């Protein structure tokens, strides 16, 4: 049985009353997820949406590798009057760095472009992506800043030089991915929101790569928005471990 949208009961403190948060994954409604590349291995015309159980964010500073992830969330369960804070939760399936890397989050401003198709999305037709001056298949990328708005960033968990047990469940905080993020969601008018996740810390000598479960994964949880009412917002900062998304079974 799949639970595609559900309310999560969370206790803030030992004596505090119970409060609710709304968790929406990319499985729910008209949600979608896919990754694209302008890459020596994932070309600008490659599609991976409905076949990929993992989503990718990879960059090595314009050498040969660029991959990023598109997420679409259906916000038809969200009411702006009730939910004023937002977190992003991912289940990582691969982390390359021992110390973690920065991932930037952009929002698609032009709502007319939210209905991209998961099965056909590629770099050359992805909303907000432009052809880099260096051409296709070179590892470079170029954003259309009239269509994509920077909303903040988060740092991935590192492996600490060890071989971790996956998935690693990660929840953003409201410091790095804060007011601009929640304001962007609140300003939405078509009940669909597209987020783009880009690894921006790669250099010519550092090949950064992170992967996390897509909605096609058989056992891990799809990317999720956790929408919280105002009394919970500050209390949830740094308490991502208290949020446990239910597996599909």
Protein backbone atom coordinates (compact mmCIF):
# COMPACT_ATOMS: atom_id res chain seq x y z
CA UNK A 1 0.00 0.00 0.00
CA UNK A 2 1.38 3.40 -0.98
CA UNK A 3 0.90 6.48 1.19
CA UNK A 4 1.49 9.36 -1.19
CA UNK A 5 0.56 12.19 1.12
CA UNK A 6 0.04 11.95 4.83
CA UNK A 7 0.09 13.91 8.06
CA UNK A 8 3.03 13.33 10.34
CA UNK A 9 2.61 13.48 14.08
CA UNK A 10 5.63 15.02 15.78
CA UNK A 11 6.28 15.72 19.48
CA UNK A 12 8.30 18.92 19.84
CA UNK A 13 9.33 18.52 23.47
CA UNK A 14 8.60 16.06 26.23
CA UNK A 15 5.77 18.15 27.67
CA UNK A 16 4.64 20.09 24.61
CA UNK A 17 1.31 19.32 22.98
CA UNK A 18 1.39 17.27 19.81
CA UNK A 19 1.44 19.14 16.50
CA UNK A 20 1.06 18.12 12.88
CA UNK A 21 3.13 18.57 9.76
CA UNK A 22 2.14 17.86 6.18
CA UNK A 23 4.55 15.67 4.21
CA UNK A 24 4.23 15.67 0.41
CA UNK A 25 6.45 13.44 -1.73
CA UNK A 26 7.02 13.56 -5.48
CA UNK A 27 4.74 10.50 -5.70
CA UNK A 28 1.66 12.46 -4.76
CA UNK A 29 -0.78 13.73 -7.38
CA UNK A 30 0.99 15.41 -10.30
CA UNK A 31 4.41 15.17 -8.65
CA UNK A 32 7.46 14.07 -10.64
CA UNK A 33 11.23 13.68 -10.37
CA UNK A 34 14.04 13.22 -12.87
CA UNK A 35 17.68 14.08 -13.43
CA UNK A 36 19.35 15.57 -16.49
CA UNK A 37 22.92 15.95 -17.70
CA UNK A 38 25.19 17.81 -20.09
CA UNK A 39 27.82 15.24 -19.62
CA UNK A 40 30.37 12.89 -21.14
CA UNK A 41 28.18 9.96 -20.00
CA UNK A 42 24.70 11.51 -19.61
CA UNK A 43 24.27 13.58 -22.74
CA UNK A 44 22.13 16.68 -23.10
CA UNK A 45 19.45 14.61 -24.87
CA UNK A 46 19.44 11.66 -22.43
CA UNK A 47 16.27 11.00 -20.45
CA UNK A 48 16.18 9.10 -17.17
CA UNK A 49 12.92 10.09 -15.50
CA UNK A 50 10.69 7.04 -15.28
CA UNK A 51 13.53 4.49 -15.31
CA UNK A 52 15.78 6.01 -12.66
CA UNK A 53 15.49 4.78 -9.08
CA UNK A 54 18.13 7.35 -8.08
CA UNK A 55 18.34 11.08 -8.71
CA UNK A 56 21.75 12.68 -9.24
CA UNK A 57 23.59 15.89 -8.52
CA UNK A 58 27.10 15.91 -9.95
CA UNK A 59 29.63 18.49 -11.07
CA UNK A 60 33.37 18.67 -11.57
CA UNK A 61 33.82 22.31 -12.40
CA UNK A 62 33.27 22.29 -16.14
CA UNK A 63 35.51 19.38 -16.99
CA UNK A 64 33.21 16.67 -18.28
CA UNK A 65 30.44 16.04 -15.72
CA UNK A 66 27.27 17.96 -14.98
CA UNK A 67 24.05 16.37 -13.72
CA UNK A 68 21.21 17.92 -11.72
CA UNK A 69 17.80 16.95 -10.39
CA UNK A 70 14.32 18.29 -11.09
CA UNK A 71 11.57 17.78 -8.50
CA UNK A 72 7.90 18.67 -8.91
CA UNK A 73 5.57 18.74 -5.90
CA UNK A 74 1.77 18.83 -6.03
CA UNK A 75 0.70 21.40 -3.41
CA UNK A 76 -3.05 20.84 -3.66
CA UNK A 77 -3.04 19.78 0.02
CA UNK A 78 -1.29 22.97 1.12
CA UNK A 79 -3.08 26.04 2.48
CA UNK A 80 -1.01 29.18 2.86
CA UNK A 81 -2.93 30.20 5.96
CA UNK A 82 -1.91 27.07 7.87
CA UNK A 83 1.58 26.10 6.69
CA UNK A 84 4.24 28.78 6.85
CA UNK A 85 7.52 26.86 7.20
CA UNK A 86 9.07 24.31 4.85
CA UNK A 87 11.81 21.69 4.95
CA UNK A 88 13.17 19.40 2.24
CA UNK A 89 13.83 15.74 2.99
CA UNK A 90 15.89 13.32 0.87
CA UNK A 91 17.03 9.73 1.29
CA UNK A 92 20.61 9.57 0.01
CA UNK A 93 21.67 6.39 -1.78
CA UNK A 94 25.25 7.48 -2.55
CA UNK A 95 27.53 10.21 -1.21
CA UNK A 96 30.96 10.67 -2.76
CA UNK A 97 32.45 13.18 -0.33
CA UNK A 98 33.71 12.28 3.15
CA UNK A 99 32.90 15.81 4.37
CA UNK A 100 29.75 16.62 2.37
CA UNK A 101 29.14 19.18 -0.34
CA UNK A 102 26.88 22.15 -0.96
CA UNK A 103 23.75 21.67 -3.05
CA UNK A 104 21.94 24.79 -4.29
CA UNK A 105 18.16 24.83 -4.62
CA UNK A 106 16.39 26.85 -7.31
CA UNK A 107 12.68 27.37 -7.90
CA UNK A 108 11.02 27.62 -11.30
CA UNK A 109 9.46 31.08 -11.44
CA UNK A 110 7.44 30.63 -14.64
CA UNK A 111 4.51 28.48 -13.54
CA UNK A 112 3.51 27.83 -17.16
CA UNK A 113 6.57 25.55 -17.36
CA UNK A 114 5.71 23.38 -14.33
CA UNK A 115 4.08 20.68 -16.45
CA UNK A 116 7.32 19.20 -17.78
CA UNK A 117 7.17 15.50 -18.60
CA UNK A 118 9.27 13.19 -16.46
CA UNK A 119 9.84 10.61 -19.20
CA UNK A 120 11.10 13.15 -21.77
CA UNK A 121 12.96 15.69 -19.63
CA UNK A 122 16.55 16.27 -20.74
CA UNK A 123 19.03 19.15 -20.53
CA UNK A 124 18.03 20.54 -23.93
CA UNK A 125 14.34 20.92 -22.99
CA UNK A 126 14.54 21.37 -19.20
CA UNK A 127 12.88 24.64 -18.11
CA UNK A 128 15.44 27.16 -16.91
CA UNK A 129 18.46 25.58 -18.65
CA UNK A 130 20.29 27.30 -21.50
CA UNK A 131 22.90 26.02 -23.90
CA UNK A 132 26.31 26.91 -22.41
CA UNK A 133 28.67 28.89 -24.61
CA UNK A 134 30.97 25.86 -24.68
CA UNK A 135 28.25 23.77 -26.36
CA UNK A 136 26.60 20.47 -25.46
CA UNK A 137 28.24 17.45 -23.81
CA UNK A 138 31.06 19.39 -22.22
CA UNK A 139 30.23 19.30 -18.51
CA UNK A 140 29.15 22.95 -18.40
CA UNK A 141 25.73 24.37 -17.55
CA UNK A 142 24.00 27.72 -17.84
CA UNK A 143 20.89 28.85 -15.96
CA UNK A 144 18.18 31.16 -17.25
CA UNK A 145 17.87 33.50 -14.26
CA UNK A 146 14.63 34.93 -15.63
CA UNK A 147 13.06 31.52 -15.03
CA UNK A 148 14.97 30.13 -12.03
CA UNK A 149 15.18 31.80 -8.61
CA UNK A 150 17.88 30.84 -6.10
CA UNK A 151 16.14 29.77 -2.88
CA UNK A 152 19.04 28.70 -0.71
CA UNK A 153 21.27 25.69 -0.21
CA UNK A 154 22.01 22.78 2.08
CA UNK A 155 25.13 20.78 2.84
CA UNK A 156 25.00 17.05 2.25
CA UNK A 157 26.02 14.68 5.03
CA UNK A 158 29.55 13.37 4.55
CA UNK A 159 30.60 9.76 4.85
CA UNK A 160 33.38 10.53 7.34
CA UNK A 161 35.69 8.37 5.26
CA UNK A 162 33.64 5.29 6.15
CA UNK A 163 31.39 3.07 4.07
CA UNK A 164 27.93 4.18 5.18
CA UNK A 165 24.73 2.18 5.36
CA UNK A 166 22.17 3.59 2.97
CA UNK A 167 19.75 5.23 2.88
CA UNK A 168 20.96 8.26 4.80
CA UNK A 169 17.88 10.33 5.58
CA UNK A 170 18.59 14.05 5.41
CA UNK A 171 16.36 16.97 6.35
CA UNK A 172 17.24 20.58 5.51
CA UNK A 173 17.05 23.32 8.12
CA UNK A 174 15.34 26.70 8.07
CA UNK A 175 18.63 28.60 8.30
CA UNK A 176 20.15 27.54 4.97
CA UNK A 177 16.90 26.81 3.16
CA UNK A 178 14.68 29.28 4.96
CA UNK A 179 12.48 32.30 4.30
CA UNK A 180 13.07 32.52 0.54
CA UNK A 181 12.14 28.84 0.24
CA UNK A 182 8.95 29.02 2.27
CA UNK A 183 7.96 32.33 0.63
CA UNK A 184 8.40 30.77 -2.81
CA UNK A 185 6.04 27.93 -1.89
CA UNK A 186 3.52 30.32 -0.34
CA UNK A 187 3.50 32.49 -3.49
CA UNK A 188 2.64 29.54 -5.75
CA UNK A 189 -0.69 29.90 -7.56
CA UNK A 190 -1.07 26.75 -9.67
CA UNK A 191 -0.51 24.19 -6.86
CA UNK A 192 2.56 22.81 -8.64
CA UNK A 193 6.11 23.77 -7.73
CA UNK A 194 9.34 22.79 -9.49
CA UNK A 195 12.66 22.71 -7.64
CA UNK A 196 16.08 22.24 -9.26
CA UNK A 197 18.95 20.85 -7.15
CA UNK A 198 22.46 21.63 -8.38
CA UNK A 199 25.83 20.62 -6.95
CA UNK A 200 27.82 23.82 -7.27
CA UNK A 201 30.99 22.95 -5.35
CA UNK A 202 32.83 20.83 -7.88
CA UNK A 203 36.16 21.99 -9.29
CA UNK A 204 38.43 20.67 -12.01
CA UNK A 205 40.11 18.53 -9.36
CA UNK A 206 37.05 17.67 -7.23
CA UNK A 207 34.34 15.55 -8.85
CA UNK A 208 31.34 15.97 -6.55
CA UNK A 209 28.48 13.50 -6.74
CA UNK A 210 25.43 12.77 -4.61
CA UNK A 211 22.46 10.52 -5.31
CA UNK A 212 19.13 10.14 -3.57
CA UNK A 213 16.05 7.99 -4.02
CA UNK A 214 13.45 8.86 -6.63
CA UNK A 215 9.76 8.00 -6.48
CA UNK A 216 10.57 4.92 -8.58
CA UNK A 217 12.73 3.40 -5.83
CA UNK A 218 11.27 0.12 -4.59
CA UNK A 219 11.99 0.59 -0.88
CA UNK A 220 13.37 4.07 -0.11
CA UNK A 221 11.22 7.18 0.27
CA UNK A 222 10.81 9.69 -2.55
CA UNK A 223 11.94 13.32 -2.11
CA UNK A 224 9.55 15.12 0.22
CA UNK A 225 8.45 18.54 1.34
CA UNK A 226 7.69 18.81 5.06
CA UNK A 227 5.31 21.75 5.55
CA UNK A 228 5.09 22.88 9.15
CA UNK A 229 2.82 25.30 11.01
CA UNK A 230 4.46 28.34 12.57
CA UNK A 231 4.85 27.01 16.16
CA UNK A 232 6.85 24.06 14.84
CA UNK A 233 9.16 25.90 12.45
CA UNK A 234 11.90 26.90 14.86
CA UNK A 235 11.58 23.76 16.93
CA UNK A 236 12.28 21.57 13.90
CA UNK A 237 15.56 23.29 13.05
CA UNK A 238 18.29 20.73 13.60
CA UNK A 239 15.76 18.04 14.59
CA UNK A 240 15.47 16.36 11.22
CA UNK A 241 16.13 13.01 12.85
CA UNK A 242 12.72 13.23 14.51
CA UNK A 243 11.01 13.21 11.14
CA UNK A 244 10.58 9.66 9.86
CA UNK A 245 8.87 9.26 6.50
CA UNK A 246 6.90 6.09 6.08
CA UNK A 247 8.27 3.54 3.61
CA UNK A 248 6.24 2.15 0.77
CA UNK A 249 5.20 -1.41 1.39
